C-alpha cells in the first residue's frame, strides 16, 4: 500500500521471514484455495497466540465484523454501542445485521470514553463493540463489568491490536466474538484477510458455516440458511503463518520506532503524541499518530498536504461515525455530538509507520514535520 508519489510511504510491510518458502509450498503442492492446510494451521496458531478456543479465518477484517454481527442474530430495533472514532466497517457491520449503531465519544487515548458507555445503554441495547485503536487498548475491566451487569455481549475489534496486551491478557481474548484484520499495514499481514476468535463452540460453528455459503455436510448443495463466500485462501494463510512467527519481533521493532519518533518530536509545543503507556498497557505503536494543538495555524489536512509535497506519506485520523454522510442519510445519529472525536478527526493524522520504515526515514520525517509545524506558529 505504498503511496504513488511518496518516497517515504505511510506504510511498507516487512516480509523477511518464511513467506516466500511457504508460498512456494502452496504452488508446488497446488493447494492455493481455501481448503489448503495452511488455513487450519494459521487458525490454530493464531488462536493459541490470543488464548482462544477457536479461530475462523476469513477474507478480510471487514467481513470478519460482518459475520461476527450476523451470527449474533440481532433483530431490528436492537442497539449496539460503539466508539464514534473508528473505521466505518464497525458501524456498517451493525447496520447490515439489522441493528442500530449508538455512538460514544473517545477520550485522550483515542479509544472509547468508558465513562460514557453506561450512559448510552437503553432497554434496547444488546451489545457493546470495543475497538482497540492506534496501538493502545480500550480499558476493558470497567467495560466487562458494565457488560456483565447489564447482560450485554462484547464484540471486540482487535484489528489493530496484534500482539497487544491489556493487563497481561491478549487483546482479542475479551469479546464473546473478537475480530482481527491482516491488511498490509497490520503487524501480521496476509495481504487481505481477517479472523474471528471465540471460545463459544456454537458461535464458532455458525461462523464456519456462514463463511462457506452454509454448505451442509451431508447435502452440500441443499441450503437451510444463506451464507457468504468469506473464505481465506491457502496462499493468504501461508503468509499469515510466516508473519505470526515474527510477530514478537515486529512488536519490538514498532516500539523502537515509536520511541524514536517520540524522542525527536516531544519538545514541539502544543502537540499531542501517543501515550507511551497507560496503567493497563504499553503502546505497540500500530501507527504513530499526533494531534495538532490550536496554536498551530494549520489543521491536519494542510499539514499532510505540506508533507506530501515533500514526498512523505501520511493518513488522516478516522472520521467519526456520527458525522458520516451515508449513516446520517440512513437516519442514524441525529443530533449526536462527540466533541473529542470531532476535534481529533480534524487535527489528527499519522506519520509513516510501516514495519519497513528505516531509521533514516524516521529522522527525515521528523525533521520535515518539525519544519512544517514550527513555520505554522510563526
Protein backbone atom coordinates (compact mmCIF):
# COMPACT_ATOMS: atom_id res chain seq x y z
CA UNK A 1 0.00 0.00 0.00
CA UNK A 2 2.77 2.43 -0.94
CA UNK A 3 1.75 5.96 -1.87
CA UNK A 4 2.26 6.51 -5.58
CA UNK A 5 4.23 9.73 -5.21
CA UNK A 6 5.66 9.30 -1.71
CA UNK A 7 9.33 8.41 -1.42
CA UNK A 8 8.61 7.62 2.25
CA UNK A 9 5.29 5.73 2.19
CA UNK A 10 2.86 5.78 5.08
CA UNK A 11 3.21 2.02 5.22
CA UNK A 12 5.58 -0.61 3.86
CA UNK A 13 5.13 -4.19 5.14
CA UNK A 14 8.03 -6.32 6.26
CA UNK A 15 8.21 -9.77 4.65
CA UNK A 16 11.52 -11.05 5.96
CA UNK A 17 10.60 -14.48 7.34
CA UNK A 18 9.45 -17.69 5.67
CA UNK A 19 6.83 -16.03 3.45
CA UNK A 20 8.47 -17.00 0.16
CA UNK A 21 9.15 -20.56 1.31
CA UNK A 22 5.56 -21.15 2.43
CA UNK A 23 4.07 -19.59 -0.70
CA UNK A 24 6.23 -21.85 -2.85
CA UNK A 25 4.89 -24.82 -0.88
CA UNK A 26 1.38 -23.76 -1.90
CA UNK A 27 2.39 -23.51 -5.55
CA UNK A 28 4.35 -26.76 -5.55
CA UNK A 29 1.51 -28.73 -3.96
CA UNK A 30 -1.31 -27.00 -5.85
CA UNK A 31 -3.05 -26.05 -2.60
CA UNK A 32 -3.96 -22.45 -3.34
CA UNK A 33 -7.66 -22.48 -2.40
CA UNK A 34 -9.33 -22.19 0.99
CA UNK A 35 -9.05 -25.96 1.50
CA UNK A 36 -5.25 -25.94 1.83
CA UNK A 37 -3.50 -26.95 5.06
CA UNK A 38 -2.07 -23.53 5.91
CA UNK A 39 -5.59 -22.21 6.66
CA UNK A 40 -6.15 -24.53 9.60
CA UNK A 41 -2.56 -24.10 10.75
CA UNK A 42 -2.93 -20.33 10.77
CA UNK A 43 -6.24 -20.56 12.63
CA UNK A 44 -4.78 -22.90 15.23
CA UNK A 45 -1.60 -20.92 15.79
CA UNK A 46 -3.31 -17.55 15.94
CA UNK A 47 -5.98 -18.82 18.33
CA UNK A 48 -3.26 -20.18 20.61
CA UNK A 49 -1.39 -16.88 20.47
CA UNK A 50 -4.52 -15.00 21.54
CA UNK A 51 -5.62 -17.66 24.03
CA UNK A 52 -8.88 -18.60 22.32
CA UNK A 53 -10.50 -21.96 21.56
CA UNK A 54 -11.49 -21.11 18.01
CA UNK A 55 -10.07 -19.07 15.16
CA UNK A 56 -12.10 -18.75 11.96
CA UNK A 57 -10.10 -17.28 9.07
CA UNK A 58 -11.95 -15.09 6.57
CA UNK A 59 -11.26 -12.94 3.53
CA UNK A 60 -10.67 -9.63 5.33
CA UNK A 61 -11.23 -7.79 8.58
CA UNK A 62 -14.42 -6.05 7.47
CA UNK A 63 -16.21 -9.31 6.65
CA UNK A 64 -14.96 -10.69 9.97
CA UNK A 65 -17.03 -7.97 11.63
CA UNK A 66 -19.97 -8.58 9.28
CA UNK A 67 -20.01 -12.29 10.07
CA UNK A 68 -19.50 -11.78 13.80
CA UNK A 69 -22.52 -9.48 13.97
CA UNK A 70 -24.60 -11.73 11.74
CA UNK A 71 -24.17 -14.84 13.90
CA UNK A 72 -25.39 -12.94 16.98
CA UNK A 73 -28.80 -12.85 15.27
CA UNK A 74 -29.71 -9.33 16.26
CA UNK A 75 -33.17 -8.01 15.45
CA UNK A 76 -34.42 -4.69 14.07
CA UNK A 77 -34.50 -2.18 16.91
CA UNK A 78 -31.64 -3.81 18.81
CA UNK A 79 -28.86 -1.36 19.63
CA UNK A 80 -25.10 -1.85 19.61
CA UNK A 81 -22.88 0.74 21.27
CA UNK A 82 -19.61 1.54 19.51
CA UNK A 83 -16.93 4.25 19.59
CA UNK A 84 -17.65 7.02 17.12
CA UNK A 85 -13.91 7.26 16.46
CA UNK A 86 -13.30 4.14 14.41
CA UNK A 87 -13.39 2.81 10.85
CA UNK A 88 -16.74 2.60 9.10
CA UNK A 89 -16.52 -1.22 8.91
CA UNK A 90 -17.63 -1.27 12.54
CA UNK A 91 -20.79 0.73 12.01
CA UNK A 92 -21.62 -0.87 8.67
CA UNK A 93 -21.46 -4.36 10.25
CA UNK A 94 -24.03 -3.29 12.83
CA UNK A 95 -26.29 -1.78 10.18
CA UNK A 96 -26.02 -4.82 7.90
CA UNK A 97 -27.01 -7.02 10.84
CA UNK A 98 -30.26 -5.03 11.07
CA UNK A 99 -29.36 -3.30 14.33
CA UNK A 100 -28.91 0.34 15.29
CA UNK A 101 -25.42 1.79 16.00
CA UNK A 102 -25.15 4.07 19.03
CA UNK A 103 -22.02 6.26 19.01
CA UNK A 104 -19.95 7.21 22.06
CA UNK A 105 -17.12 9.76 22.14
CA UNK A 106 -13.45 8.92 22.74
CA UNK A 107 -11.02 10.07 25.42
CA UNK A 108 -7.42 11.28 25.35
CA UNK A 109 -6.12 7.79 24.49
CA UNK A 110 -8.30 7.99 21.32
CA UNK A 111 -10.21 4.91 22.49
CA UNK A 112 -13.83 4.97 23.62
CA UNK A 113 -14.59 7.02 26.71
CA UNK A 114 -15.55 4.18 29.05
CA UNK A 115 -17.28 6.55 31.44
CA UNK A 116 -19.82 7.46 28.76
CA UNK A 117 -20.68 3.94 27.66
CA UNK A 118 -23.05 3.16 30.52
CA UNK A 119 -25.00 6.37 29.86
CA UNK A 120 -25.67 5.17 26.30
CA UNK A 121 -27.31 1.91 27.43
CA UNK A 122 -31.06 1.61 26.91
CA UNK A 123 -33.60 -1.21 27.16
CA UNK A 124 -32.80 -1.97 23.50
CA UNK A 125 -29.03 -2.33 23.94
CA UNK A 126 -27.80 -5.85 23.15
CA UNK A 127 -24.03 -5.46 22.75
CA UNK A 128 -21.02 -3.20 23.07
CA UNK A 129 -18.48 -3.11 20.26
CA UNK A 130 -15.00 -2.41 21.61
CA UNK A 131 -12.27 -1.18 19.22
CA UNK A 132 -8.61 -1.00 20.24
CA UNK A 133 -7.13 1.96 18.39
CA UNK A 134 -3.72 3.01 17.10
CA UNK A 135 -1.64 0.86 19.46
CA UNK A 136 -3.38 1.22 22.83
CA UNK A 137 -6.22 -0.98 24.08
CA UNK A 138 -9.52 0.18 25.46
CA UNK A 139 -9.73 -0.02 29.25
CA UNK A 140 -11.51 -3.39 29.35
CA UNK A 141 -12.13 -4.16 33.04
CA UNK A 142 -14.81 -1.50 33.60
CA UNK A 143 -16.43 -2.34 30.27
CA UNK A 144 -16.55 -6.03 31.12
CA UNK A 145 -18.15 -5.14 34.44
CA UNK A 146 -20.76 -2.98 32.71
CA UNK A 147 -21.49 -5.70 30.15
CA UNK A 148 -21.88 -8.31 32.87
CA UNK A 149 -24.16 -6.10 34.95
CA UNK A 150 -26.49 -5.36 32.03
CA UNK A 151 -26.28 -8.76 30.36
CA UNK A 152 -24.64 -7.40 27.21
CA UNK A 153 -22.28 -9.09 24.79
CA UNK A 154 -18.87 -7.67 23.97
CA UNK A 155 -17.79 -7.67 20.33
CA UNK A 156 -14.06 -6.88 20.25
CA UNK A 157 -12.43 -5.38 17.17
CA UNK A 158 -8.73 -6.10 17.64
CA UNK A 159 -7.82 -5.35 14.01
CA UNK A 160 -5.01 -3.00 15.09
CA UNK A 161 -4.00 -4.88 18.23
CA UNK A 162 -1.94 -7.87 17.14
CA UNK A 163 0.39 -8.83 19.98
CA UNK A 164 -1.01 -6.12 22.26
CA UNK A 165 -1.82 -6.98 25.88
CA UNK A 166 -4.26 -5.48 28.36
CA UNK A 167 -3.14 -6.14 31.96
CA UNK A 168 -1.21 -9.16 30.70
CA UNK A 169 -4.10 -10.60 28.66
CA UNK A 170 -4.00 -10.62 24.86
CA UNK A 171 -6.27 -8.25 23.01
CA UNK A 172 -8.66 -10.41 21.06
CA UNK A 173 -9.38 -12.57 24.12
CA UNK A 174 -12.13 -10.44 25.67
CA UNK A 175 -15.15 -10.48 23.39
CA UNK A 176 -17.72 -13.22 23.03
CA UNK A 177 -16.57 -12.67 19.45
CA UNK A 178 -13.33 -10.87 18.59
CA UNK A 179 -12.01 -9.95 15.15
CA UNK A 180 -8.66 -9.25 13.54
CA UNK A 181 -7.58 -7.78 10.21
CA UNK A 182 -4.48 -8.80 8.26
CA UNK A 183 -4.29 -5.85 5.87
CA UNK A 184 -0.72 -4.91 4.78
CA UNK A 185 -0.40 -2.21 7.45
CA UNK A 186 -1.01 -4.66 10.31
CA UNK A 187 1.65 -6.36 12.46
CA UNK A 188 0.61 -9.63 10.84
CA UNK A 189 -0.42 -9.35 7.20
CA UNK A 190 -1.83 -11.77 4.65
CA UNK A 191 -2.32 -9.03 2.04
CA UNK A 192 -6.04 -9.12 2.73
CA UNK A 193 -7.55 -11.34 5.37
CA UNK A 194 -9.18 -11.48 8.77
CA UNK A 195 -10.07 -13.82 11.61
CA UNK A 196 -12.87 -14.24 14.12
CA UNK A 197 -11.96 -15.54 17.58
CA UNK A 198 -14.31 -17.07 20.14
CA UNK A 199 -14.49 -19.60 22.95
CA UNK A 200 -18.14 -20.38 22.17
CA UNK A 201 -18.48 -23.65 20.23
CA UNK A 202 -21.88 -22.79 18.76
CA UNK A 203 -20.85 -19.31 17.61
CA UNK A 204 -17.70 -20.79 16.06
CA UNK A 205 -19.82 -23.32 14.18
CA UNK A 206 -22.13 -20.58 12.91
CA UNK A 207 -19.12 -18.56 11.72
CA UNK A 208 -17.62 -21.53 9.89
CA UNK A 209 -20.90 -22.30 8.17
CA UNK A 210 -21.53 -18.67 7.36
CA UNK A 211 -18.15 -18.07 5.72
CA UNK A 212 -18.68 -21.11 3.46
CA UNK A 213 -22.13 -20.43 1.94
CA UNK A 214 -23.76 -22.54 4.69
CA UNK A 215 -22.98 -25.78 2.88
CA UNK A 216 -24.23 -28.86 4.76
CA UNK A 217 -22.01 -31.85 5.44
CA UNK A 218 -24.39 -34.48 4.08
CA UNK A 219 -26.30 -32.48 1.46
CA UNK A 220 -23.75 -29.97 0.21
CA UNK A 221 -25.91 -28.09 -2.28
CA UNK A 222 -29.10 -28.08 -0.23
CA UNK A 223 -29.19 -24.97 1.95
CA UNK A 224 -31.15 -24.34 5.14
CA UNK A 225 -29.51 -20.91 5.61
CA UNK A 226 -27.95 -18.22 3.44
CA UNK A 227 -24.24 -17.66 3.95
CA UNK A 228 -21.37 -15.90 2.23
CA UNK A 229 -18.14 -16.81 0.50
CA UNK A 230 -15.85 -15.21 3.06
CA UNK A 231 -13.14 -17.87 2.90
CA UNK A 232 -9.41 -17.19 3.26
CA UNK A 233 -7.14 -18.83 0.68
CA UNK A 234 -4.23 -21.11 1.46
CA UNK A 235 -1.92 -18.52 -0.12
CA UNK A 236 -3.08 -15.87 2.32
CA UNK A 237 -2.82 -18.24 5.26
CA UNK A 238 0.73 -19.21 4.27
CA UNK A 239 1.73 -15.57 4.55
CA UNK A 240 -0.06 -15.38 7.90
CA UNK A 241 1.79 -18.37 9.36
CA UNK A 242 5.12 -16.83 8.36
CA UNK A 243 4.14 -13.42 9.73
CA UNK A 244 2.93 -14.88 13.01
CA UNK A 245 6.35 -16.44 13.51
CA UNK A 246 7.89 -12.93 13.55
CA UNK A 247 5.11 -11.09 15.43
CA UNK A 248 7.10 -10.61 18.65
CA UNK A 249 9.99 -9.14 16.67
CA UNK A 250 7.57 -6.89 14.78
CA UNK A 251 6.16 -5.55 18.06
CA UNK A 252 9.68 -4.89 19.36
CA UNK A 253 10.53 -3.05 16.15
CA UNK A 254 7.35 -0.94 16.28
CA UNK A 255 8.06 0.09 19.85
CA UNK A 256 11.57 1.15 18.87
CA UNK A 257 10.10 3.23 16.05
CA UNK A 258 7.58 4.81 18.40
CA UNK A 259 10.26 5.64 20.93
CA UNK A 260 12.43 7.27 18.26
CA UNK A 261 9.61 9.40 16.90
CA UNK A 262 8.75 10.46 20.46
CA UNK A 263 12.33 11.49 21.19
CA UNK A 264 12.51 13.55 18.01
CA UNK A 265 9.14 15.28 18.43
CA UNK A 266 8.31 15.55 22.12
CA UNK A 267 9.74 19.06 22.54
CA UNK A 268 7.38 20.52 19.93
CA UNK A 269 4.86 22.76 21.71
CA UNK A 270 1.13 22.14 21.78
CA UNK A 271 1.34 18.74 20.07
CA UNK A 272 -0.28 15.57 21.42
CA UNK A 273 1.82 12.48 20.76
CA UNK A 274 0.71 8.91 21.53
CA UNK A 275 0.86 7.83 25.16
CA UNK A 276 3.86 5.58 25.72
CA UNK A 277 1.77 3.61 28.18
CA UNK A 278 -1.34 3.65 30.33
CA UNK A 279 -1.87 1.97 33.72
CA UNK A 280 -3.04 -1.14 31.86
CA UNK A 281 -0.90 -1.39 28.71
CA UNK A 282 2.26 -0.42 26.84
CA UNK A 283 1.73 1.15 23.43
CA UNK A 284 2.51 -1.16 20.49
CA UNK A 285 2.54 1.83 18.10
CA UNK A 286 0.47 0.27 15.35
CA UNK A 287 0.72 3.76 13.86
CA UNK A 288 2.36 6.91 15.17
CA UNK A 289 -0.42 9.47 15.40
CA UNK A 290 -0.40 13.06 16.57
CA UNK A 291 -2.92 15.82 17.16
CA UNK A 292 -2.18 19.48 16.45
CA UNK A 293 -2.96 21.96 19.20
CA UNK A 294 -4.99 25.07 18.48
CA UNK A 295 -1.90 27.30 18.43
CA UNK A 296 -1.00 25.92 15.01
CA UNK A 297 -2.48 27.93 12.15
CA UNK A 298 -2.95 24.79 10.05
CA UNK A 299 -5.15 21.77 10.51
CA UNK A 300 -4.34 18.13 9.77
CA UNK A 301 -5.25 18.36 6.09
CA UNK A 302 -2.93 21.31 5.48
CA UNK A 303 -0.06 19.68 7.39
CA UNK A 304 -0.49 16.48 5.41
CA UNK A 305 -0.50 18.40 2.13
CA UNK A 306 2.78 20.07 3.03
CA UNK A 307 4.36 16.73 3.93
CA UNK A 308 3.04 15.21 0.71
CA UNK A 309 4.80 17.97 -1.22
CA UNK A 310 8.00 16.64 0.36
CA UNK A 311 7.03 13.10 -0.73
CA UNK A 312 6.17 11.93 2.76
CA UNK A 313 3.06 9.77 3.04
CA UNK A 314 0.54 10.31 5.83
CA UNK A 315 -3.02 9.29 6.65
CA UNK A 316 -5.83 11.27 8.32
CA UNK A 317 -7.41 10.08 11.52
CA UNK A 318 -10.75 8.29 11.27
CA UNK A 319 -13.77 10.47 10.52
CA UNK A 320 -16.33 9.97 13.31
CA UNK A 321 -19.23 7.61 12.67
CA UNK A 322 -21.81 10.14 13.83
CA UNK A 323 -20.62 12.53 11.10
CA UNK A 324 -20.59 10.00 8.25
CA UNK A 325 -22.90 11.28 5.47
CA UNK A 326 -24.04 7.78 4.47
CA UNK A 327 -25.12 6.95 8.01
CA UNK A 328 -26.79 10.31 8.55
CA UNK A 329 -28.80 9.78 5.35
CA UNK A 330 -29.96 6.45 6.76
CA UNK A 331 -31.37 8.22 9.80
CA UNK A 332 -28.69 7.40 12.35
CA UNK A 333 -27.01 9.77 14.83
CA UNK A 334 -29.44 12.67 14.61
CA UNK A 335 -28.37 15.46 17.00
CA UNK A 336 -25.37 13.43 18.24
CA UNK A 337 -22.32 15.43 19.30
CA UNK A 338 -18.92 13.93 20.18
CA UNK A 339 -16.56 16.88 20.53
CA UNK A 340 -13.35 14.98 21.28
CA UNK A 341 -13.67 12.79 18.20
CA UNK A 342 -14.74 15.75 16.07
CA UNK A 343 -11.64 17.67 17.07
CA UNK A 344 -9.05 14.94 16.61
CA UNK A 345 -10.56 13.95 13.26
CA UNK A 346 -9.81 17.45 12.03
CA UNK A 347 -6.47 17.98 13.74
CA UNK A 348 -5.04 14.46 13.89
CA UNK A 349 -3.10 12.36 11.41
CA UNK A 350 -0.41 9.72 11.46
CA UNK A 351 3.10 9.55 10.10
CA UNK A 352 4.83 6.79 8.14
CA UNK A 353 4.60 3.82 10.49
CA UNK A 354 5.12 0.63 8.46
CA UNK A 355 7.44 -2.11 9.59
CA UNK A 356 9.60 -1.49 6.53
CA UNK A 357 10.36 2.08 7.65
CA UNK A 358 14.09 2.69 8.20
CA UNK A 359 15.79 4.70 10.93
CA UNK A 360 16.98 7.27 8.38
CA UNK A 361 13.43 7.68 7.09
CA UNK A 362 12.15 8.32 10.62
CA UNK A 363 14.76 11.05 11.03
CA UNK A 364 13.75 12.66 7.70
CA UNK A 365 10.04 12.55 8.51
CA UNK A 366 10.54 14.07 11.95
CA UNK A 367 12.79 16.82 10.60
CA UNK A 368 10.30 17.79 7.91
CA UNK A 369 7.38 17.69 10.31
CA UNK A 370 9.24 19.96 12.71
CA UNK A 371 9.77 22.47 9.92
CA UNK A 372 6.12 22.37 8.85
CA UNK A 373 4.83 22.84 12.40
CA UNK A 374 7.30 25.47 13.53
CA UNK A 375 6.55 27.51 10.41
CA UNK A 376 2.85 27.24 11.25
CA UNK A 377 3.47 29.01 14.59
CA UNK A 378 5.49 31.96 13.26
